[in-house]
């Protein structure tokens, strides 16, 4: 039957800025968009177990950020900035989104390097995720 789906669709509207932030978190998680949204809505917290592929994506994103920032610094030193105010704002937002997503992911995984756990901080296997 054409046009009939097994499961209902859930949709919502977000601002451009919110979408950029969400996309950065999805990229940092290494999950598919659908899985990220479902887990986020159900559990209110995304816990990511690092995989090589996820780490490589994050390293690649950080390298891109480093390259862009280095280029901007060179332009500022030479006083020949070619970046517009909008371009600079976009670059800032992209960097902030990715860094916030990485920090959020690392915060969710801090149980890996913290020796003792309190009742408030449980591992993902304990029902928090």
PDB file of N, CA and C in Angstrom:
ATOM      1  N   UNK A   1       0.830  -1.163   0.000  1.00  0.00           N
ATOM      2  CA  UNK A   1       0.000   0.000   0.000  1.00  0.00           C
ATOM      3  C   UNK A   1       0.889   1.246   0.000  1.00  0.00           C
ATOM      4  N   UNK A   2       0.734   2.044  -0.973  1.00  0.00           N
ATOM      5  CA  UNK A   2       1.528   3.247  -1.105  1.00  0.00           C
ATOM      6  C   UNK A   2       1.086   4.298  -0.100  1.00  0.00           C
ATOM      7  N   UNK A   3       2.068   4.970   0.499  1.00  0.00           N
ATOM      8  CA  UNK A   3       1.767   6.050   1.426  1.00  0.00           C
ATOM      9  C   UNK A   3       1.400   5.601   2.825  1.00  0.00           C
ATOM     10  N   UNK A   4       1.433   4.291   3.104  1.00  0.00           N
ATOM     11  CA  UNK A   4       1.100   3.784   4.427  1.00  0.00           C
ATOM     12  C   UNK A   4       2.387   3.311   5.091  1.00  0.00           C
ATOM     13  N   UNK A   5       2.652   3.823   6.290  1.00  0.00           N
ATOM     14  CA  UNK A   5       3.857   3.451   7.016  1.00  0.00           C
ATOM     15  C   UNK A   5       3.483   2.664   8.264  1.00  0.00           C
ATOM     16  N   UNK A   6       4.369   1.760   8.654  1.00  0.00           N
ATOM     17  CA  UNK A   6       4.156   0.969   9.852  1.00  0.00           C
ATOM     18  C   UNK A   6       4.133   1.832  11.103  1.00  0.00           C
ATOM     19  N   UNK A   7       5.074   2.760  11.182  1.00  0.00           N
ATOM     20  CA  UNK A   7       5.247   3.555  12.388  1.00  0.00           C
ATOM     21  C   UNK A   7       4.955   5.033  12.100  1.00  0.00           C
ATOM     22  N   UNK A   8       4.379   5.726  13.069  1.00  0.00           N
ATOM     23  CA  UNK A   8       4.065   7.144  12.856  1.00  0.00           C
ATOM     24  C   UNK A   8       5.335   7.999  12.823  1.00  0.00           C
ATOM     25  N   UNK A   9       5.237   9.147  12.215  1.00  0.00           N
ATOM     26  CA  UNK A   9       6.339  10.096  12.123  1.00  0.00           C
ATOM     27  C   UNK A   9       6.190  11.156  13.200  1.00  0.00           C
ATOM     28  N   UNK A  10       7.303  11.483  13.853  1.00  0.00           N
ATOM     29  CA  UNK A  10       7.330  12.570  14.825  1.00  0.00           C
ATOM     30  C   UNK A  10       8.194  13.659  14.222  1.00  0.00           C
ATOM     31  N   UNK A  11       7.695  14.882  14.216  1.00  0.00           N
ATOM     32  CA  UNK A  11       8.491  15.979  13.671  1.00  0.00           C
ATOM     33  C   UNK A  11       8.339  17.212  14.544  1.00  0.00           C
ATOM     34  N   UNK A  12       9.301  18.081  14.423  1.00  0.00           N
ATOM     35  CA  UNK A  12       9.268  19.338  15.161  1.00  0.00           C
ATOM     36  C   UNK A  12      10.144  20.349  14.441  1.00  0.00           C
ATOM     37  N   UNK A  13       9.928  21.598  14.733  1.00  0.00           N
ATOM     38  CA  UNK A  13      10.679  22.674  14.091  1.00  0.00           C
ATOM     39  C   UNK A  13      11.729  23.216  15.059  1.00  0.00           C
ATOM     40  N   UNK A  14      12.892  23.527  14.502  1.00  0.00           N
ATOM     41  CA  UNK A  14      13.966  24.129  15.277  1.00  0.00           C
ATOM     42  C   UNK A  14      14.526  25.307  14.488  1.00  0.00           C
ATOM     43  N   UNK A  15      15.194  26.200  15.195  1.00  0.00           N
ATOM     44  CA  UNK A  15      15.838  27.326  14.514  1.00  0.00           C
ATOM     45  C   UNK A  15      17.083  26.804  13.795  1.00  0.00           C
ATOM     46  N   UNK A  16      17.624  27.622  12.911  1.00  0.00           N
ATOM     47  CA  UNK A  16      18.849  27.239  12.200  1.00  0.00           C
ATOM     48  C   UNK A  16      19.974  26.958  13.184  1.00  0.00           C
ATOM     49  N   UNK A  17      20.081  27.787  14.200  1.00  0.00           N
ATOM     50  CA  UNK A  17      21.132  27.628  15.211  1.00  0.00           C
ATOM     51  C   UNK A  17      20.948  26.329  15.983  1.00  0.00           C
ATOM     52  N   UNK A  18      19.710  26.019  16.384  1.00  0.00           N
ATOM     53  CA  UNK A  18      19.443  24.778  17.104  1.00  0.00           C
ATOM     54  C   UNK A  18      19.770  23.572  16.227  1.00  0.00           C
ATOM     55  N   UNK A  19      19.435  23.659  14.960  1.00  0.00           N
ATOM     56  CA  UNK A  19      19.724  22.550  14.037  1.00  0.00           C
ATOM     57  C   UNK A  19      21.226  22.316  13.931  1.00  0.00           C
ATOM     58  N   UNK A  20      22.007  23.393  13.844  1.00  0.00           N
ATOM     59  CA  UNK A  20      23.457  23.263  13.776  1.00  0.00           C
ATOM     60  C   UNK A  20      23.999  22.573  15.024  1.00  0.00           C
ATOM     61  N   UNK A  21      23.474  22.953  16.190  1.00  0.00           N
ATOM     62  CA  UNK A  21      23.924  22.352  17.446  1.00  0.00           C
ATOM     63  C   UNK A  21      23.548  20.869  17.499  1.00  0.00           C
ATOM     64  N   UNK A  22      22.335  20.550  17.068  1.00  0.00           N
ATOM     65  CA  UNK A  22      21.886  19.153  17.062  1.00  0.00           C
ATOM     66  C   UNK A  22      22.734  18.332  16.095  1.00  0.00           C
ATOM     67  N   UNK A  23      22.987  18.868  14.909  1.00  0.00           N
ATOM     68  CA  UNK A  23      23.790  18.150  13.910  1.00  0.00           C
ATOM     69  C   UNK A  23      25.196  17.879  14.444  1.00  0.00           C
ATOM     70  N   UNK A  24      25.775  18.821  15.167  1.00  0.00           N
ATOM     71  CA  UNK A  24      27.109  18.629  15.732  1.00  0.00           C
ATOM     72  C   UNK A  24      27.106  17.503  16.756  1.00  0.00           C
ATOM     73  N   UNK A  25      26.070  17.462  17.589  1.00  0.00           N
ATOM     74  CA  UNK A  25      25.985  16.398  18.586  1.00  0.00           C
ATOM     75  C   UNK A  25      25.786  15.035  17.929  1.00  0.00           C
ATOM     76  N   UNK A  26      25.000  14.997  16.873  1.00  0.00           N
ATOM     77  CA  UNK A  26      24.785  13.739  16.161  1.00  0.00           C
ATOM     78  C   UNK A  26      26.089  13.257  15.550  1.00  0.00           C
ATOM     79  N   UNK A  27      26.832  14.166  14.927  1.00  0.00           N
ATOM     80  CA  UNK A  27      28.107  13.810  14.321  1.00  0.00           C
ATOM     81  C   UNK A  27      29.074  13.288  15.376  1.00  0.00           C
ATOM     82  N   UNK A  28      29.131  13.966  16.517  1.00  0.00           N
ATOM     83  CA  UNK A  28      30.038  13.558  17.586  1.00  0.00           C
ATOM     84  C   UNK A  28      29.651  12.206  18.174  1.00  0.00           C
ATOM     85  N   UNK A  29      28.360  11.888  18.153  1.00  0.00           N
ATOM     86  CA  UNK A  29      27.908  10.619  18.735  1.00  0.00           C
ATOM     87  C   UNK A  29      28.241   9.427  17.859  1.00  0.00           C
ATOM     88  N   UNK A  30      28.344   9.651  16.548  1.00  0.00           N
ATOM     89  CA  UNK A  30      28.601   8.544  15.628  1.00  0.00           C
ATOM     90  C   UNK A  30      27.367   7.693  15.355  1.00  0.00           C
ATOM     91  N   UNK A  31      26.222   8.151  15.830  1.00  0.00           N
ATOM     92  CA  UNK A  31      24.975   7.400  15.630  1.00  0.00           C
ATOM     93  C   UNK A  31      24.243   7.910  14.398  1.00  0.00           C
ATOM     94  N   UNK A  32      23.288   7.127  13.966  1.00  0.00           N
ATOM     95  CA  UNK A  32      22.389   7.601  12.929  1.00  0.00           C
ATOM     96  C   UNK A  32      21.456   8.627  13.566  1.00  0.00           C
ATOM     97  N   UNK A  33      20.984   9.546  12.746  1.00  0.00           N
ATOM     98  CA  UNK A  33      20.138  10.628  13.251  1.00  0.00           C
ATOM     99  C   UNK A  33      18.915  10.073  13.982  1.00  0.00           C
ATOM    100  N   UNK A  34      18.257   9.081  13.410  1.00  0.00           N
ATOM    101  CA  UNK A  34      17.057   8.493  14.019  1.00  0.00           C
ATOM    102  C   UNK A  34      17.384   7.933  15.396  1.00  0.00           C
ATOM    103  N   UNK A  35      18.476   7.171  15.492  1.00  0.00           N
ATOM    104  CA  UNK A  35      18.841   6.566  16.770  1.00  0.00           C
ATOM    105  C   UNK A  35      19.175   7.626  17.812  1.00  0.00           C
ATOM    106  N   UNK A  36      19.865   8.675  17.384  1.00  0.00           N
ATOM    107  CA  UNK A  36      20.205   9.750  18.309  1.00  0.00           C
ATOM    108  C   UNK A  36      18.939  10.398  18.869  1.00  0.00           C
ATOM    109  N   UNK A  37      17.990  10.734  17.991  1.00  0.00           N
ATOM    110  CA  UNK A  37      16.764  11.371  18.448  1.00  0.00           C
ATOM    111  C   UNK A  37      15.963  10.463  19.373  1.00  0.00           C
ATOM    112  N   UNK A  38      15.852   9.204  19.018  1.00  0.00           N
ATOM    113  CA  UNK A  38      15.070   8.285  19.847  1.00  0.00           C
ATOM    114  C   UNK A  38      15.700   8.151  21.227  1.00  0.00           C
ATOM    115  N   UNK A  39      17.005   7.913  21.284  1.00  0.00           N
ATOM    116  CA  UNK A  39      17.671   7.775  22.586  1.00  0.00           C
ATOM    117  C   UNK A  39      17.610   9.064  23.379  1.00  0.00           C
ATOM    118  N   UNK A  40      17.786  10.179  22.699  1.00  0.00           N
ATOM    119  CA  UNK A  40      17.747  11.463  23.384  1.00  0.00           C
ATOM    120  C   UNK A  40      16.372  11.709  23.996  1.00  0.00           C
ATOM    121  N   UNK A  41      15.338  11.422  23.249  1.00  0.00           N
ATOM    122  CA  UNK A  41      13.977  11.649  23.748  1.00  0.00           C
ATOM    123  C   UNK A  41      13.610  10.685  24.868  1.00  0.00           C
ATOM    124  N   UNK A  42      14.009   9.456  24.753  1.00  0.00           N
ATOM    125  CA  UNK A  42      13.626   8.456  25.746  1.00  0.00           C
ATOM    126  C   UNK A  42      14.460   8.568  27.012  1.00  0.00           C
ATOM    127  N   UNK A  43      15.757   8.728  26.858  1.00  0.00           N
ATOM    128  CA  UNK A  43      16.643   8.666  28.018  1.00  0.00           C
ATOM    129  C   UNK A  43      17.145  10.022  28.490  1.00  0.00           C
ATOM    130  N   UNK A  44      16.916  11.074  27.730  1.00  0.00           N
ATOM    131  CA  UNK A  44      17.364  12.423  28.083  1.00  0.00           C
ATOM    132  C   UNK A  44      18.872  12.566  28.188  1.00  0.00           C
ATOM    133  N   UNK A  45      19.618  11.558  27.868  1.00  0.00           N
ATOM    134  CA  UNK A  45      21.066  11.642  27.903  1.00  0.00           C
ATOM    135  C   UNK A  45      21.619  10.611  26.943  1.00  0.00           C
ATOM    136  N   UNK A  46      22.587  11.014  26.178  1.00  0.00           N
ATOM    137  CA  UNK A  46      23.199  10.112  25.223  1.00  0.00           C
ATOM    138  C   UNK A  46      24.549   9.673  25.769  1.00  0.00           C
ATOM    139  N   UNK A  47      24.731   8.394  25.907  1.00  0.00           N
ATOM    140  CA  UNK A  47      26.016   7.850  26.322  1.00  0.00           C
ATOM    141  C   UNK A  47      26.621   7.147  25.117  1.00  0.00           C
ATOM    142  N   UNK A  48      27.839   7.506  24.809  1.00  0.00           N
ATOM    143  CA  UNK A  48      28.485   6.958  23.624  1.00  0.00           C
ATOM    144  C   UNK A  48      29.675   6.135  24.057  1.00  0.00           C
ATOM    145  N   UNK A  49      29.754   4.937  23.532  1.00  0.00           N
ATOM    146  CA  UNK A  49      30.935   4.118  23.734  1.00  0.00           C
ATOM    147  C   UNK A  49      31.802   4.322  22.506  1.00  0.00           C
ATOM    148  N   UNK A  50      33.015   4.790  22.746  1.00  0.00           N
ATOM    149  CA  UNK A  50      33.893   5.136  21.634  1.00  0.00           C
ATOM    150  C   UNK A  50      34.222   3.958  20.736  1.00  0.00           C
ATOM    151  N   UNK A  51      34.153   4.202  19.460  1.00  0.00           N
ATOM    152  CA  UNK A  51      34.592   3.251  18.454  1.00  0.00           C
ATOM    153  C   UNK A  51      35.640   3.959  17.618  1.00  0.00           C
ATOM    154  N   UNK A  52      36.457   3.189  16.949  1.00  0.00           N
ATOM    155  CA  UNK A  52      37.487   3.784  16.095  1.00  0.00           C
ATOM    156  C   UNK A  52      36.894   4.775  15.115  1.00  0.00           C
ATOM    157  N   UNK A  53      35.787   4.413  14.496  1.00  0.00           N
ATOM    158  CA  UNK A  53      35.173   5.259  13.478  1.00  0.00           C
ATOM    159  C   UNK A  53      34.726   6.598  14.061  1.00  0.00           C
ATOM    160  N   UNK A  54      34.166   6.559  15.263  1.00  0.00           N
ATOM    161  CA  UNK A  54      33.696   7.778  15.913  1.00  0.00           C
ATOM    162  C   UNK A  54      34.882   8.672  16.263  1.00  0.00           C
ATOM    163  N   UNK A  55      35.915   8.070  16.828  1.00  0.00           N
ATOM    164  CA  UNK A  55      37.099   8.829  17.215  1.00  0.00           C
ATOM    165  C   UNK A  55      37.746   9.455  15.985  1.00  0.00           C
ATOM    166  N   UNK A  56      37.833   8.713  14.887  1.00  0.00           N
ATOM    167  CA  UNK A  56      38.429   9.256  13.662  1.00  0.00           C
ATOM    168  C   UNK A  56      37.633  10.453  13.147  1.00  0.00           C
ATOM    169  N   UNK A  57      36.301  10.383  13.218  1.00  0.00           N
ATOM    170  CA  UNK A  57      35.471  11.516  12.792  1.00  0.00           C
ATOM    171  C   UNK A  57      35.739  12.740  13.659  1.00  0.00           C
ATOM    172  N   UNK A  58      35.854  12.525  14.969  1.00  0.00           N
ATOM    173  CA  UNK A  58      36.116  13.636  15.868  1.00  0.00           C
ATOM    174  C   UNK A  58      37.494  14.242  15.622  1.00  0.00           C
ATOM    175  N   UNK A  59      38.485  13.383  15.427  1.00  0.00           N
ATOM    176  CA  UNK A  59      39.838  13.868  15.135  1.00  0.00           C
ATOM    177  C   UNK A  59      39.833  14.662  13.832  1.00  0.00           C
ATOM    178  N   UNK A  60      39.121  14.161  12.836  1.00  0.00           N
ATOM    179  CA  UNK A  60      39.027  14.865  11.555  1.00  0.00           C
ATOM    180  C   UNK A  60      38.374  16.241  11.731  1.00  0.00           C
ATOM    181  N   UNK A  61      37.302  16.298  12.503  1.00  0.00           N
ATOM    182  CA  UNK A  61      36.634  17.572  12.757  1.00  0.00           C
ATOM    183  C   UNK A  61      37.556  18.540  13.502  1.00  0.00           C
ATOM    184  N   UNK A  62      38.287  18.037  14.490  1.00  0.00           N
ATOM    185  CA  UNK A  62      39.207  18.887  15.233  1.00  0.00           C
ATOM    186  C   UNK A  62      40.360  19.371  14.346  1.00  0.00           C
ATOM    187  N   UNK A  63      40.822  18.516  13.442  1.00  0.00           N
ATOM    188  CA  UNK A  63      41.873  18.930  12.507  1.00  0.00           C
ATOM    189  C   UNK A  63      41.363  20.017  11.564  1.00  0.00           C
ATOM    190  N   UNK A  64      40.121  19.885  11.107  1.00  0.00           N
ATOM    191  CA  UNK A  64      39.529  20.921  10.259  1.00  0.00           C
ATOM    192  C   UNK A  64      39.422  22.239  11.018  1.00  0.00           C
ATOM    193  N   UNK A  65      39.003  22.160  12.284  1.00  0.00           N
ATOM    194  CA  UNK A  65      38.910  23.365  13.101  1.00  0.00           C
ATOM    195  C   UNK A  65      40.283  24.003  13.256  1.00  0.00           C
ATOM    196  N   UNK A  66      41.286  23.183  13.512  1.00  0.00           N
ATOM    197  CA  UNK A  66      42.647  23.689  13.687  1.00  0.00           C
ATOM    198  C   UNK A  66      43.134  24.374  12.411  1.00  0.00           C
ATOM    199  N   UNK A  67      42.886  23.767  11.266  1.00  0.00           N
ATOM    200  CA  UNK A  67      43.295  24.350   9.994  1.00  0.00           C
ATOM    201  C   UNK A  67      42.610  25.692   9.767  1.00  0.00           C
ATOM    202  N   UNK A  68      41.306  25.742   9.999  1.00  0.00           N
ATOM    203  CA  UNK A  68      40.553  26.987   9.798  1.00  0.00           C
ATOM    204  C   UNK A  68      41.023  28.092  10.738  1.00  0.00           C
ATOM    205  N   UNK A  69      41.249  27.754  11.989  1.00  0.00           N
ATOM    206  CA  UNK A  69      41.692  28.751  12.961  1.00  0.00           C
ATOM    207  C   UNK A  69      43.107  29.213  12.633  1.00  0.00           C
ATOM    208  N   UNK A  70      43.977  28.301  12.232  1.00  0.00           N
ATOM    209  CA  UNK A  70      45.345  28.668  11.848  1.00  0.00           C
ATOM    210  C   UNK A  70      45.340  29.620  10.662  1.00  0.00           C
ATOM    211  N   UNK A  71      44.494  29.340   9.684  1.00  0.00           N
ATOM    212  CA  UNK A  71      44.385  30.211   8.511  1.00  0.00           C
ATOM    213  C   UNK A  71      43.888  31.596   8.908  1.00  0.00           C
ATOM    214  N   UNK A  72      42.924  31.642   9.807  1.00  0.00           N
ATOM    215  CA  UNK A  72      42.406  32.918  10.273  1.00  0.00           C
ATOM    216  C   UNK A  72      43.489  33.710  11.015  1.00  0.00           C
ATOM    217  N   UNK A  73      44.269  33.022  11.830  1.00  0.00           N
ATOM    218  CA  UNK A  73      45.354  33.685  12.565  1.00  0.00           C
ATOM    219  C   UNK A  73      46.368  34.280  11.588  1.00  0.00           C
ATOM    220  N   UNK A  74      46.725  33.525  10.549  1.00  0.00           N
ATOM    221  CA  UNK A  74      47.663  34.036   9.537  1.00  0.00           C
ATOM    222  C   UNK A  74      47.105  35.290   8.873  1.00  0.00           C
ATOM    223  N   UNK A  75      45.823  35.248   8.544  1.00  0.00           N
ATOM    224  CA  UNK A  75      45.190  36.411   7.911  1.00  0.00           C
ATOM    225  C   UNK A  75      45.182  37.614   8.856  1.00  0.00           C
ATOM    226  N   UNK A  76      44.920  37.375  10.125  1.00  0.00           N
ATOM    227  CA  UNK A  76      44.909  38.464  11.101  1.00  0.00           C
ATOM    228  C   UNK A  76      46.306  39.059  11.272  1.00  0.00           C
ATOM    229  N   UNK A  77      47.314  38.207  11.295  1.00  0.00           N
ATOM    230  CA  UNK A  77      48.694  38.685  11.436  1.00  0.00           C
ATOM    231  C   UNK A  77      49.103  39.539  10.234  1.00  0.00           C
ATOM    232  N   UNK A  78      48.642  39.159   9.054  1.00  0.00           N
ATOM    233  CA  UNK A  78      48.979  39.891   7.830  1.00  0.00           C
ATOM    234  C   UNK A  78      48.000  41.033   7.566  1.00  0.00           C
ATOM    235  N   UNK A  79      47.021  41.169   8.419  1.00  0.00           N
ATOM    236  CA  UNK A  79      45.973  42.177   8.292  1.00  0.00           C
ATOM    237  C   UNK A  79      45.291  42.111   6.927  1.00  0.00           C
ATOM    238  N   UNK A  80      45.063  40.902   6.457  1.00  0.00           N
ATOM    239  CA  UNK A  80      44.383  40.670   5.181  1.00  0.00           C
ATOM    240  C   UNK A  80      43.262  39.648   5.381  1.00  0.00           C
ATOM    241  N   UNK A  81      42.346  39.971   6.254  1.00  0.00           N
ATOM    242  CA  UNK A  81      41.263  39.038   6.574  1.00  0.00           C
ATOM    243  C   UNK A  81      40.254  39.023   5.435  1.00  0.00           C
ATOM    244  N   UNK A  82      40.032  37.832   4.879  1.00  0.00           N
ATOM    245  CA  UNK A  82      39.075  37.685   3.779  1.00  0.00           C
ATOM    246  C   UNK A  82      37.727  37.176   4.267  1.00  0.00           C
ATOM    247  N   UNK A  83      37.660  36.837   5.539  1.00  0.00           N
ATOM    248  CA  UNK A  83      36.433  36.287   6.115  1.00  0.00           C
ATOM    249  C   UNK A  83      35.469  37.421   6.461  1.00  0.00           C
ATOM    250  N   UNK A  84      34.226  37.271   6.024  1.00  0.00           N
ATOM    251  CA  UNK A  84      33.206  38.274   6.342  1.00  0.00           C
ATOM    252  C   UNK A  84      32.749  38.102   7.789  1.00  0.00           C
ATOM    253  N   UNK A  85      32.015  39.063   8.271  1.00  0.00           N
ATOM    254  CA  UNK A  85      31.484  38.975   9.638  1.00  0.00           C
ATOM    255  C   UNK A  85      30.562  37.769   9.778  1.00  0.00           C
ATOM    256  N   UNK A  86      29.741  37.514   8.751  1.00  0.00           N
ATOM    257  CA  UNK A  86      28.863  36.342   8.774  1.00  0.00           C
ATOM    258  C   UNK A  86      29.676  35.056   8.734  1.00  0.00           C
ATOM    259  N   UNK A  87      30.720  35.038   7.927  1.00  0.00           N
ATOM    260  CA  UNK A  87      31.589  33.863   7.836  1.00  0.00           C
ATOM    261  C   UNK A  87      32.285  33.582   9.152  1.00  0.00           C
ATOM    262  N   UNK A  88      32.722  34.641   9.820  1.00  0.00           N
ATOM    263  CA  UNK A  88      33.362  34.489  11.122  1.00  0.00           C
ATOM    264  C   UNK A  88      32.361  33.968  12.154  1.00  0.00           C
ATOM    265  N   UNK A  89      31.139  34.480  12.117  1.00  0.00           N
ATOM    266  CA  UNK A  89      30.099  34.012  13.043  1.00  0.00           C
ATOM    267  C   UNK A  89      29.779  32.538  12.789  1.00  0.00           C
ATOM    268  N   UNK A  90      29.703  32.151  11.514  1.00  0.00           N
ATOM    269  CA  UNK A  90      29.450  30.748  11.185  1.00  0.00           C
ATOM    270  C   UNK A  90      30.588  29.855  11.669  1.00  0.00           C
ATOM    271  N   UNK A  91      31.816  30.309  11.457  1.00  0.00           N
ATOM    272  CA  UNK A  91      32.985  29.540  11.891  1.00  0.00           C
ATOM    273  C   UNK A  91      32.983  29.385  13.409  1.00  0.00           C
ATOM    274  N   UNK A  92      32.682  30.465  14.104  1.00  0.00           N
ATOM    275  CA  UNK A  92      32.607  30.434  15.566  1.00  0.00           C
ATOM    276  C   UNK A  92      31.536  29.457  16.027  1.00  0.00           C
ATOM    277  N   UNK A  93      30.354  29.545  15.424  1.00  0.00           N
ATOM    278  CA  UNK A  93      29.259  28.651  15.806  1.00  0.00           C
ATOM    279  C   UNK A  93      29.605  27.193  15.543  1.00  0.00           C
ATOM    280  N   UNK A  94      30.212  26.910  14.386  1.00  0.00           N
ATOM    281  CA  UNK A  94      30.599  25.536  14.063  1.00  0.00           C
ATOM    282  C   UNK A  94      31.584  24.993  15.087  1.00  0.00           C
ATOM    283  N   UNK A  95      32.583  25.807  15.424  1.00  0.00           N
ATOM    284  CA  UNK A  95      33.584  25.382  16.409  1.00  0.00           C
ATOM    285  C   UNK A  95      32.942  25.173  17.786  1.00  0.00           C
ATOM    286  N   UNK A  96      32.108  26.110  18.191  1.00  0.00           N
ATOM    287  CA  UNK A  96      31.462  25.996  19.501  1.00  0.00           C
ATOM    288  C   UNK A  96      30.544  24.770  19.568  1.00  0.00           C
ATOM    289  N   UNK A  97      29.795  24.523  18.505  1.00  0.00           N
ATOM    290  CA  UNK A  97      28.893  23.373  18.483  1.00  0.00           C
ATOM    291  C   UNK A  97      29.668  22.071  18.627  1.00  0.00           C
ATOM    292  N   UNK A  98      30.750  21.956  17.861  1.00  0.00           N
ATOM    293  CA  UNK A  98      31.526  20.721  17.902  1.00  0.00           C
ATOM    294  C   UNK A  98      32.198  20.552  19.256  1.00  0.00           C
ATOM    295  N   UNK A  99      32.769  21.611  19.789  1.00  0.00           N
ATOM    296  CA  UNK A  99      33.421  21.512  21.098  1.00  0.00           C
ATOM    297  C   UNK A  99      32.416  21.180  22.198  1.00  0.00           C
ATOM    298  N   UNK A 100      31.232  21.793  22.152  1.00  0.00           N
ATOM    299  CA  UNK A 100      30.208  21.478  23.154  1.00  0.00           C
ATOM    300  C   UNK A 100      29.734  20.032  23.029  1.00  0.00           C
ATOM    301  N   UNK A 101      29.626  19.536  21.810  1.00  0.00           N
ATOM    302  CA  UNK A 101      29.213  18.149  21.602  1.00  0.00           C
ATOM    303  C   UNK A 101      30.276  17.194  22.141  1.00  0.00           C
ATOM    304  N   UNK A 102      31.542  17.511  21.903  1.00  0.00           N
ATOM    305  CA  UNK A 102      32.629  16.658  22.394  1.00  0.00           C
ATOM    306  C   UNK A 102      32.681  16.689  23.915  1.00  0.00           C
ATOM    307  N   UNK A 103      32.542  17.873  24.495  1.00  0.00           N
ATOM    308  CA  UNK A 103      32.548  17.992  25.956  1.00  0.00           C
ATOM    309  C   UNK A 103      31.379  17.217  26.561  1.00  0.00           C
ATOM    310  N   UNK A 104      30.213  17.321  25.946  1.00  0.00           N
ATOM    311  CA  UNK A 104      29.041  16.597  26.437  1.00  0.00           C
ATOM    312  C   UNK A 104      29.274  15.089  26.368  1.00  0.00           C
ATOM    313  N   UNK A 105      29.856  14.637  25.260  1.00  0.00           N
ATOM    314  CA  UNK A 105      30.134  13.214  25.103  1.00  0.00           C
ATOM    315  C   UNK A 105      31.155  12.748  26.142  1.00  0.00           C
ATOM    316  N   UNK A 106      32.215  13.532  26.346  1.00  0.00           N
ATOM    317  CA  UNK A 106      33.228  13.168  27.330  1.00  0.00           C
ATOM    318  C   UNK A 106      32.658  13.188  28.739  1.00  0.00           C
ATOM    319  N   UNK A 107      31.755  14.117  29.016  1.00  0.00           N
ATOM    320  CA  UNK A 107      31.112  14.175  30.320  1.00  0.00           C
ATOM    321  C   UNK A 107      30.308  12.901  30.570  1.00  0.00           C
ATOM    322  N   UNK A 108      29.639  12.401  29.539  1.00  0.00           N
ATOM    323  CA  UNK A 108      28.876  11.167  29.677  1.00  0.00           C
ATOM    324  C   UNK A 108      29.749   9.943  29.837  1.00  0.00           C
ATOM    325  N   UNK A 109      31.018  10.053  29.435  1.00  0.00           N
ATOM    326  CA  UNK A 109      31.929   8.908  29.508  1.00  0.00           C
ATOM    327  C   UNK A 109      32.951   9.053  30.623  1.00  0.00           C
ATOM    328  N   UNK A 110      32.801  10.059  31.487  1.00  0.00           N
ATOM    329  CA  UNK A 110      33.815  10.304  32.515  1.00  0.00           C
ATOM    330  C   UNK A 110      33.929   9.153  33.516  1.00  0.00           C
ATOM    331  N   UNK A 111      32.923   8.317  33.578  1.00  0.00           N
ATOM    332  CA  UNK A 111      33.003   7.157  34.460  1.00  0.00           C
ATOM    333  C   UNK A 111      34.163   6.245  34.063  1.00  0.00           C
ATOM    334  N   UNK A 112      34.624   6.363  32.821  1.00  0.00           N
ATOM    335  CA  UNK A 112      35.718   5.503  32.350  1.00  0.00           C
ATOM    336  C   UNK A 112      37.047   5.830  33.019  1.00  0.00           C
ATOM    337  N   UNK A 113      37.282   7.093  33.360  1.00  0.00           N
ATOM    338  CA  UNK A 113      38.574   7.458  33.934  1.00  0.00           C
ATOM    339  C   UNK A 113      38.488   7.916  35.379  1.00  0.00           C
ATOM    340  N   UNK A 114      37.295   7.991  35.933  1.00  0.00           N
ATOM    341  CA  UNK A 114      37.172   8.330  37.347  1.00  0.00           C
ATOM    342  C   UNK A 114      37.186   7.042  38.142  1.00  0.00           C
ATOM    343  N   UNK A 115      38.038   6.990  39.154  1.00  0.00           N
ATOM    344  CA  UNK A 115      38.242   5.759  39.904  1.00  0.00           C
ATOM    345  C   UNK A 115      37.031   5.289  40.682  1.00  0.00           C
ATOM    346  N   UNK A 116      36.435   6.162  41.467  1.00  0.00           N
ATOM    347  CA  UNK A 116      35.300   5.759  42.289  1.00  0.00           C
ATOM    348  C   UNK A 116      34.039   6.386  41.749  1.00  0.00           C
ATOM    349  N   UNK A 117      32.935   5.703  41.992  1.00  0.00           N
ATOM    350  CA  UNK A 117      31.648   6.213  41.534  1.00  0.00           C
ATOM    351  C   UNK A 117      30.751   6.471  42.728  1.00  0.00           C
ATOM    352  N   UNK A 118      30.069   7.580  42.685  1.00  0.00           N
ATOM    353  CA  UNK A 118      29.110   7.889  43.739  1.00  0.00           C
ATOM    354  C   UNK A 118      27.742   7.395  43.294  1.00  0.00           C
ATOM    355  N   UNK A 119      26.776   7.510  44.166  1.00  0.00           N
ATOM    356  CA  UNK A 119      25.419   7.105  43.806  1.00  0.00           C
ATOM    357  C   UNK A 119      24.864   7.968  42.680  1.00  0.00           C
ATOM    358  N   UNK A 120      25.319   9.229  42.593  1.00  0.00           N
ATOM    359  CA  UNK A 120      24.803  10.150  41.585  1.00  0.00           C
ATOM    360  C   UNK A 120      25.355   9.836  40.201  1.00  0.00           C
ATOM    361  N   UNK A 121      26.582   9.323  40.151  1.00  0.00           N
ATOM    362  CA  UNK A 121      27.212   9.048  38.857  1.00  0.00           C
ATOM    363  C   UNK A 121      27.357   7.551  38.678  1.00  0.00           C
ATOM    364  N   UNK A 122      26.543   7.011  37.846  1.00  0.00           N
ATOM    365  CA  UNK A 122      26.560   5.573  37.587  1.00  0.00           C
ATOM    366  C   UNK A 122      27.024   5.333  36.155  1.00  0.00           C
ATOM    367  N   UNK A 123      27.518   4.162  35.924  1.00  0.00           N
ATOM    368  CA  UNK A 123      27.948   3.824  34.573  1.00  0.00           C
ATOM    369  C   UNK A 123      26.729   3.683  33.680  1.00  0.00           C
ATOM    370  N   UNK A 124      26.924   3.790  32.350  1.00  0.00           N
ATOM    371  CA  UNK A 124      25.783   3.685  31.438  1.00  0.00           C
ATOM    372  C   UNK A 124      25.023   2.362  31.569  1.00  0.00           C
ATOM    373  N   UNK A 125      25.704   1.312  32.006  1.00  0.00           N
ATOM    374  CA  UNK A 125      25.041   0.015  32.118  1.00  0.00           C
ATOM    375  C   UNK A 125      24.094  -0.047  33.308  1.00  0.00           C
ATOM    376  N   UNK A 126      24.103   0.978  34.160  1.00  0.00           N
ATOM    377  CA  UNK A 126      23.290   0.932  35.375  1.00  0.00           C
ATOM    378  C   UNK A 126      21.897   1.507  35.198  1.00  0.00           C
ATOM    379  N   UNK A 127      21.524   1.846  33.966  1.00  0.00           N
ATOM    380  CA  UNK A 127      20.181   2.337  33.743  1.00  0.00           C
ATOM    381  C   UNK A 127      20.097   3.814  33.423  1.00  0.00           C
ATOM    382  N   UNK A 128      21.230   4.521  33.449  1.00  0.00           N
ATOM    383  CA  UNK A 128      21.213   5.937  33.118  1.00  0.00           C
ATOM    384  C   UNK A 128      21.001   6.175  31.632  1.00  0.00           C
ATOM    385  N   UNK A 129      21.340   5.215  30.815  1.00  0.00           N
ATOM    386  CA  UNK A 129      21.244   5.395  29.359  1.00  0.00           C
ATOM    387  C   UNK A 129      20.371   4.334  28.759  1.00  0.00           C
TER     388      UNK A 129
END
